[in-house]
N, C-alpha and C. Protein backbone atom coordinates (compact mmCIF):
# COMPACT_ATOMS: atom_id res chain seq x y z
N UNK A 1 7.70 -39.57 19.08
CA UNK A 1 7.35 -38.69 20.16
C UNK A 1 6.64 -39.03 21.49
N UNK A 2 7.18 -38.82 22.68
CA UNK A 2 6.59 -39.08 23.74
C UNK A 2 5.37 -38.45 24.16
N UNK A 3 4.28 -38.80 24.80
CA UNK A 3 3.37 -37.88 25.04
C UNK A 3 3.46 -36.53 25.94
N UNK A 4 4.69 -36.88 27.08
CA UNK A 4 5.07 -35.80 27.75
C UNK A 4 5.72 -34.97 27.02
N UNK A 5 6.59 -35.09 26.09
CA UNK A 5 7.36 -34.10 25.14
C UNK A 5 6.28 -33.34 24.27
N UNK A 6 5.13 -34.20 23.59
CA UNK A 6 4.21 -33.46 22.75
C UNK A 6 3.26 -32.52 23.48
N UNK A 7 2.96 -32.94 24.89
CA UNK A 7 2.39 -32.01 25.74
C UNK A 7 3.14 -30.57 26.16
N UNK A 8 4.40 -30.75 26.10
CA UNK A 8 5.29 -29.57 26.50
C UNK A 8 5.19 -28.83 25.14
N UNK A 9 5.53 -29.40 24.06
CA UNK A 9 5.69 -28.40 22.89
C UNK A 9 4.63 -27.87 22.68
N UNK A 10 3.49 -28.49 22.75
CA UNK A 10 2.18 -28.04 22.42
C UNK A 10 1.79 -26.86 23.46
N UNK A 11 1.97 -26.92 24.66
CA UNK A 11 2.06 -25.60 25.68
C UNK A 11 2.82 -24.81 25.46
N UNK A 12 4.29 -24.80 24.80
CA UNK A 12 5.20 -23.50 24.51
C UNK A 12 4.43 -23.03 23.26
N UNK A 13 3.68 -23.69 22.39
CA UNK A 13 3.39 -23.09 21.13
C UNK A 13 2.13 -22.43 21.51
N UNK A 14 1.50 -22.56 22.52
CA UNK A 14 0.25 -21.80 23.18
C UNK A 14 0.68 -20.91 23.58
N UNK A 15 1.68 -20.89 24.46
CA UNK A 15 2.35 -19.68 25.35
C UNK A 15 2.83 -18.54 24.28
N UNK A 16 3.61 -19.35 23.30
CA UNK A 16 4.31 -18.39 22.04
C UNK A 16 2.91 -17.27 21.49
N UNK A 17 2.07 -18.16 21.16
CA UNK A 17 0.86 -17.45 20.26
C UNK A 17 0.29 -16.47 21.52
N UNK A 18 0.19 -16.86 22.77
CA UNK A 18 -0.63 -15.77 23.71
C UNK A 18 0.48 -14.54 23.79
N UNK A 19 1.50 -14.69 24.05
CA UNK A 19 2.58 -13.75 24.19
C UNK A 19 2.60 -12.79 22.99
N UNK A 20 2.40 -13.37 21.59
CA UNK A 20 2.58 -12.36 20.60
C UNK A 20 1.17 -11.70 20.50
N UNK A 21 0.44 -12.29 20.68
CA UNK A 21 -1.13 -11.64 20.90
C UNK A 21 -1.06 -10.47 21.82
N UNK A 22 -0.51 -10.66 22.95
CA UNK A 22 -0.57 -9.68 23.95
C UNK A 22 0.27 -8.59 23.46
N UNK A 23 1.75 -8.67 22.87
CA UNK A 23 2.60 -7.81 22.31
C UNK A 23 1.95 -7.12 21.10
N UNK A 24 1.26 -7.65 20.21
CA UNK A 24 0.82 -6.94 19.17
C UNK A 24 -0.51 -6.14 19.61
N UNK A 25 -1.28 -6.54 20.74
CA UNK A 25 -2.36 -5.72 21.17
C UNK A 25 -1.92 -4.38 21.67
N UNK A 26 -0.79 -4.61 22.60
CA UNK A 26 -0.27 -3.58 23.19
C UNK A 26 0.24 -2.45 22.14
N UNK A 27 1.19 -2.95 21.28
CA UNK A 27 1.66 -2.41 20.01
C UNK A 27 0.54 -1.49 19.25
N UNK A 28 -0.42 -2.05 18.97
CA UNK A 28 -1.51 -1.56 18.32
C UNK A 28 -2.35 -0.75 18.93
N UNK A 29 -2.50 -0.66 20.29
CA UNK A 29 -3.21 0.26 20.97
C UNK A 29 -2.41 1.72 20.96
N UNK A 30 -0.96 1.34 21.13
CA UNK A 30 -0.12 2.48 21.21
C UNK A 30 0.00 3.14 19.86
N UNK A 31 0.15 2.48 19.05
CA UNK A 31 0.03 3.02 17.41
C UNK A 31 -1.28 3.80 17.23
N UNK A 32 -2.58 3.11 17.72
CA UNK A 32 -3.84 3.76 17.37
C UNK A 32 -3.94 4.93 18.13
N UNK A 33 -3.78 5.01 19.69
CA UNK A 33 -3.80 6.17 20.24
C UNK A 33 -2.87 7.23 20.22
N UNK A 34 -1.60 7.02 19.92
CA UNK A 34 -0.52 7.86 19.73
C UNK A 34 -0.71 8.56 18.34
N UNK A 35 -0.57 7.54 17.42
CA UNK A 35 -0.43 8.28 16.17
C UNK A 35 -1.96 8.68 15.41
N UNK A 36 -2.79 7.76 15.32
CA UNK A 36 -3.84 8.09 14.87
C UNK A 36 -4.89 9.12 15.74
N UNK A 37 -4.74 8.74 16.96
CA UNK A 37 -5.71 9.44 18.21
C UNK A 37 -5.17 10.68 18.51
N UNK A 38 -3.79 10.95 18.26
CA UNK A 38 -3.20 12.33 18.26
C UNK A 38 -2.78 12.49 19.75
N UNK A 39 -2.85 11.47 20.64
CA UNK A 39 -2.25 11.47 22.11
C UNK A 39 -0.89 10.98 22.10
N UNK A 40 -0.51 10.96 23.46
CA UNK A 40 0.79 10.41 23.69
C UNK A 40 0.63 9.13 23.89
N UNK A 41 1.59 8.17 23.27
CA UNK A 41 1.51 6.51 23.07
C UNK A 41 1.61 5.98 24.60
N UNK A 42 1.98 6.42 25.47
CA UNK A 42 2.34 6.03 26.72
C UNK A 42 0.96 6.08 27.52
N UNK A 43 0.16 7.07 27.24
CA UNK A 43 -1.03 7.25 27.86
C UNK A 43 -2.06 5.96 27.86
N UNK A 44 -1.66 5.09 26.85
CA UNK A 44 -2.19 3.58 26.70
C UNK A 44 -2.30 2.92 28.06
N UNK A 45 -1.58 3.08 28.91
CA UNK A 45 -1.31 2.24 30.03
C UNK A 45 -1.77 3.11 31.26
N UNK A 46 -2.29 4.31 31.06
CA UNK A 46 -3.45 5.23 31.90
C UNK A 46 -4.75 4.56 32.32
N UNK A 47 -5.11 4.43 33.56
CA UNK A 47 -6.30 3.54 33.81
C UNK A 47 -7.47 4.56 33.52
N UNK A 48 -7.30 6.03 33.42
CA UNK A 48 -8.11 6.96 32.96
C UNK A 48 -8.51 6.80 31.43
N UNK A 49 -7.79 6.42 30.87
CA UNK A 49 -7.82 6.08 29.32
C UNK A 49 -8.64 5.07 29.06
N UNK A 50 -8.75 3.92 29.65
CA UNK A 50 -9.18 2.66 29.66
C UNK A 50 -10.88 2.89 30.44
N UNK A 51 -10.81 3.43 31.37
CA UNK A 51 -12.05 3.94 32.00
C UNK A 51 -13.01 4.53 30.83
N UNK A 52 -12.25 5.49 30.13
CA UNK A 52 -13.19 6.31 29.03
C UNK A 52 -13.36 5.50 28.14
N UNK A 53 -12.40 4.61 27.39
CA UNK A 53 -12.81 3.74 26.40
C UNK A 53 -14.12 2.71 26.82
N UNK A 54 -13.96 2.32 28.14
CA UNK A 54 -15.01 1.27 28.52
C UNK A 54 -16.30 1.88 28.55
N UNK A 55 -16.33 3.48 29.13
CA UNK A 55 -17.58 3.94 29.22
C UNK A 55 -18.43 4.12 27.61
N UNK A 56 -17.41 4.12 26.53
CA UNK A 56 -18.28 3.99 25.34
C UNK A 56 -18.69 2.89 24.87
N UNK A 57 -18.17 1.50 25.48
CA UNK A 57 -18.91 0.41 25.17
C UNK A 57 -20.07 0.20 26.07
N UNK A 58 -20.43 0.68 27.14
CA UNK A 58 -21.73 0.52 28.02
C UNK A 58 -22.80 1.25 27.55
């Protein structure tokens, strides 16, 4: 396998993993906020919700 092909395959694997992490994070926050928290799952994308969450961490 040539070195450029190896680099491309490795970068593609990294991009797939990052994409899966982002998809699972969004899905998990929607499930957690919507089902467990009793809110609207689409409110996860609201800036006020994240401001409230980050206030707890400070």
